[in-house]
Amino acid sequence: MANKKKNRYGNPQKNIEAQKAAEAAKLAKEVDRAMVQQQKTTDKPMLMRIIVIAVAAVMILGVVVGAVFRY
């Protein structure tokens, strides 16, 4: 009888292990997604900082050159 139930509903231990494996894979996938998202966000601010510093340097250089040639 027990063997018949086991065959009918599957092995409960295997089902539990399969659920744990599926949850672990799901968590690993979420961690990978979070890491990729974090990498994308960390690259962008660095590029923006470089652009802002370059624009500020050009503006300061323009003011200095303008002041030198005005006198």
N, C-alpha and C. Protein backbone atom coordinates (compact mmCIF):
# COMPACT_ATOMS: atom_id res chain seq x y z
N MET A 1 0.82 -1.20 0.00
CA MET A 1 0.00 0.00 0.00
C MET A 1 0.86 1.26 0.00
N ALA A 2 1.88 1.25 0.86
CA ALA A 2 2.75 2.43 0.95
C ALA A 2 3.50 2.63 -0.37
N ASN A 3 3.92 1.53 -0.98
CA ASN A 3 4.62 1.62 -2.25
C ASN A 3 3.69 2.17 -3.34
N LYS A 4 2.44 1.77 -3.29
CA LYS A 4 1.46 2.24 -4.27
C LYS A 4 1.25 3.75 -4.12
N LYS A 5 1.14 4.22 -2.87
CA LYS A 5 0.98 5.65 -2.62
C LYS A 5 2.21 6.42 -3.10
N LYS A 6 3.39 5.85 -2.84
CA LYS A 6 4.63 6.50 -3.22
C LYS A 6 4.69 6.66 -4.73
N ASN A 7 4.30 5.63 -5.45
CA ASN A 7 4.32 5.69 -6.91
C ASN A 7 3.26 6.66 -7.44
N ARG A 8 2.12 6.71 -6.74
CA ARG A 8 1.03 7.56 -7.20
C ARG A 8 1.34 9.05 -7.02
N TYR A 9 1.88 9.41 -5.86
CA TYR A 9 2.13 10.81 -5.55
C TYR A 9 3.58 11.23 -5.72
N GLY A 10 4.42 10.32 -6.06
CA GLY A 10 5.83 10.63 -6.20
C GLY A 10 6.53 10.53 -4.85
N ASN A 11 7.81 10.58 -4.86
CA ASN A 11 8.59 10.48 -3.63
C ASN A 11 8.59 11.84 -2.94
N PRO A 12 8.00 11.94 -1.75
CA PRO A 12 7.93 13.25 -1.08
C PRO A 12 9.30 13.85 -0.81
N GLN A 13 10.27 13.02 -0.49
CA GLN A 13 11.62 13.54 -0.22
C GLN A 13 12.21 14.18 -1.48
N LYS A 14 12.00 13.53 -2.62
CA LYS A 14 12.49 14.09 -3.87
C LYS A 14 11.78 15.40 -4.19
N ASN A 15 10.48 15.47 -3.89
CA ASN A 15 9.73 16.69 -4.15
C ASN A 15 10.25 17.84 -3.29
N ILE A 16 10.55 17.55 -2.03
CA ILE A 16 11.08 18.57 -1.14
C ILE A 16 12.44 19.04 -1.62
N GLU A 17 13.28 18.09 -2.02
CA GLU A 17 14.61 18.45 -2.53
C GLU A 17 14.51 19.25 -3.81
N ALA A 18 13.57 18.89 -4.67
CA ALA A 18 13.38 19.63 -5.92
C ALA A 18 12.90 21.05 -5.63
N GLN A 19 12.01 21.20 -4.64
CA GLN A 19 11.54 22.55 -4.28
C GLN A 19 12.68 23.39 -3.72
N LYS A 20 13.52 22.79 -2.88
CA LYS A 20 14.66 23.51 -2.32
C LYS A 20 15.63 23.92 -3.42
N ALA A 21 15.87 23.02 -4.36
CA ALA A 21 16.77 23.33 -5.47
C ALA A 21 16.20 24.45 -6.33
N ALA A 22 14.88 24.43 -6.56
CA ALA A 22 14.24 25.47 -7.35
C ALA A 22 14.32 26.82 -6.63
N GLU A 23 14.12 26.81 -5.31
CA GLU A 23 14.22 28.06 -4.55
C GLU A 23 15.65 28.59 -4.55
N ALA A 24 16.63 27.70 -4.44
CA ALA A 24 18.03 28.12 -4.47
C ALA A 24 18.38 28.72 -5.82
N ALA A 25 17.89 28.10 -6.89
CA ALA A 25 18.14 28.64 -8.22
C ALA A 25 17.48 30.00 -8.40
N LYS A 26 16.28 30.14 -7.85
CA LYS A 26 15.56 31.41 -7.95
C LYS A 26 16.31 32.50 -7.20
N LEU A 27 16.80 32.18 -5.99
CA LEU A 27 17.56 33.16 -5.20
C LEU A 27 18.87 33.52 -5.90
N ALA A 28 19.53 32.52 -6.49
CA ALA A 28 20.78 32.79 -7.20
C ALA A 28 20.52 33.70 -8.39
N LYS A 29 19.41 33.48 -9.06
CA LYS A 29 19.06 34.31 -10.21
C LYS A 29 18.79 35.75 -9.78
N GLU A 30 18.11 35.92 -8.63
CA GLU A 30 17.84 37.25 -8.11
C GLU A 30 19.13 37.95 -7.70
N VAL A 31 20.06 37.21 -7.11
CA VAL A 31 21.35 37.79 -6.71
C VAL A 31 22.11 38.23 -7.95
N ASP A 32 22.13 37.39 -8.99
CA ASP A 32 22.81 37.76 -10.23
C ASP A 32 22.19 39.01 -10.84
N ARG A 33 20.87 39.07 -10.83
CA ARG A 33 20.17 40.24 -11.38
C ARG A 33 20.52 41.49 -10.59
N ALA A 34 20.59 41.37 -9.27
CA ALA A 34 20.93 42.52 -8.42
C ALA A 34 22.36 42.97 -8.67
N MET A 35 23.26 42.01 -8.86
CA MET A 35 24.66 42.37 -9.13
C MET A 35 24.79 43.09 -10.46
N VAL A 36 24.09 42.62 -11.47
CA VAL A 36 24.13 43.27 -12.78
C VAL A 36 23.56 44.68 -12.68
N GLN A 37 22.45 44.83 -11.95
CA GLN A 37 21.84 46.14 -11.79
C GLN A 37 22.79 47.08 -11.06
N GLN A 38 23.50 46.57 -10.05
CA GLN A 38 24.43 47.40 -9.30
C GLN A 38 25.60 47.82 -10.18
N GLN A 39 26.08 46.93 -11.03
CA GLN A 39 27.18 47.27 -11.93
C GLN A 39 26.75 48.35 -12.91
N LYS A 40 25.54 48.26 -13.41
CA LYS A 40 25.06 49.27 -14.35
C LYS A 40 24.96 50.64 -13.68
N THR A 41 24.51 50.68 -12.44
CA THR A 41 24.33 51.96 -11.76
C THR A 41 25.66 52.56 -11.32
N THR A 42 26.66 51.73 -11.02
CA THR A 42 27.94 52.29 -10.57
C THR A 42 28.73 52.85 -11.74
N ASP A 43 28.55 52.36 -12.95
CA ASP A 43 29.28 52.88 -14.09
C ASP A 43 28.77 54.25 -14.50
N LYS A 44 27.49 54.47 -14.44
CA LYS A 44 26.90 55.70 -14.92
C LYS A 44 27.31 56.93 -14.10
N PRO A 45 27.27 56.90 -12.78
CA PRO A 45 27.67 58.09 -12.04
C PRO A 45 29.13 58.47 -12.27
N MET A 46 30.00 57.49 -12.45
CA MET A 46 31.40 57.80 -12.70
C MET A 46 31.55 58.55 -14.01
N LEU A 47 30.83 58.13 -15.04
CA LEU A 47 30.87 58.81 -16.33
C LEU A 47 30.30 60.22 -16.19
N MET A 48 29.23 60.36 -15.43
CA MET A 48 28.64 61.69 -15.24
C MET A 48 29.60 62.61 -14.49
N ARG A 49 30.31 62.07 -13.51
CA ARG A 49 31.29 62.90 -12.79
C ARG A 49 32.38 63.40 -13.72
N ILE A 50 32.86 62.52 -14.58
CA ILE A 50 33.91 62.91 -15.53
C ILE A 50 33.40 64.01 -16.45
N ILE A 51 32.17 63.87 -16.94
CA ILE A 51 31.60 64.88 -17.84
C ILE A 51 31.44 66.21 -17.11
N VAL A 52 30.94 66.19 -15.88
CA VAL A 52 30.75 67.43 -15.11
C VAL A 52 32.08 68.11 -14.84
N ILE A 53 33.10 67.34 -14.47
CA ILE A 53 34.42 67.93 -14.23
C ILE A 53 35.00 68.51 -15.51
N ALA A 54 34.81 67.85 -16.64
CA ALA A 54 35.31 68.36 -17.92
C ALA A 54 34.60 69.66 -18.29
N VAL A 55 33.29 69.72 -18.10
CA VAL A 55 32.54 70.94 -18.42
C VAL A 55 33.00 72.08 -17.51
N ALA A 56 33.18 71.80 -16.22
CA ALA A 56 33.65 72.83 -15.29
C ALA A 56 35.04 73.32 -15.68
N ALA A 57 35.92 72.41 -16.08
CA ALA A 57 37.27 72.81 -16.48
C ALA A 57 37.23 73.70 -17.71
N VAL A 58 36.38 73.38 -18.68
CA VAL A 58 36.26 74.20 -19.89
C VAL A 58 35.70 75.59 -19.54
N MET A 59 34.75 75.64 -18.63
CA MET A 59 34.19 76.93 -18.24
C MET A 59 35.24 77.79 -17.53
N ILE A 60 36.01 77.19 -16.63
CA ILE A 60 37.06 77.94 -15.92
C ILE A 60 38.12 78.41 -16.90
N LEU A 61 38.50 77.54 -17.82
CA LEU A 61 39.49 77.91 -18.83
C LEU A 61 38.97 79.06 -19.69
N GLY A 62 37.68 79.02 -20.03
CA GLY A 62 37.09 80.11 -20.81
C GLY A 62 37.11 81.42 -20.07
N VAL A 63 36.83 81.40 -18.78
CA VAL A 63 36.87 82.63 -17.98
C VAL A 63 38.29 83.16 -17.89
N VAL A 64 39.26 82.28 -17.69
CA VAL A 64 40.66 82.71 -17.58
C VAL A 64 41.13 83.29 -18.91
N VAL A 65 40.85 82.62 -20.01
CA VAL A 65 41.27 83.11 -21.33
C VAL A 65 40.58 84.44 -21.64
N GLY A 66 39.31 84.55 -21.32
CA GLY A 66 38.58 85.80 -21.54
C GLY A 66 39.15 86.94 -20.74
N ALA A 67 39.53 86.67 -19.50
CA ALA A 67 40.11 87.71 -18.65
C ALA A 67 41.49 88.13 -19.15
N VAL A 68 42.28 87.20 -19.64
CA VAL A 68 43.62 87.52 -20.13
C VAL A 68 43.54 88.36 -21.39
N PHE A 69 42.67 88.00 -22.32
CA PHE A 69 42.61 88.72 -23.59
C PHE A 69 41.83 90.04 -23.49
N ARG A 70 41.06 90.23 -22.44
CA ARG A 70 40.31 91.45 -22.27
C ARG A 70 41.27 92.60 -21.92
N TYR A 71 42.33 92.33 -21.18
CA TYR A 71 43.25 93.38 -20.76
C TYR A 71 44.46 93.43 -21.62
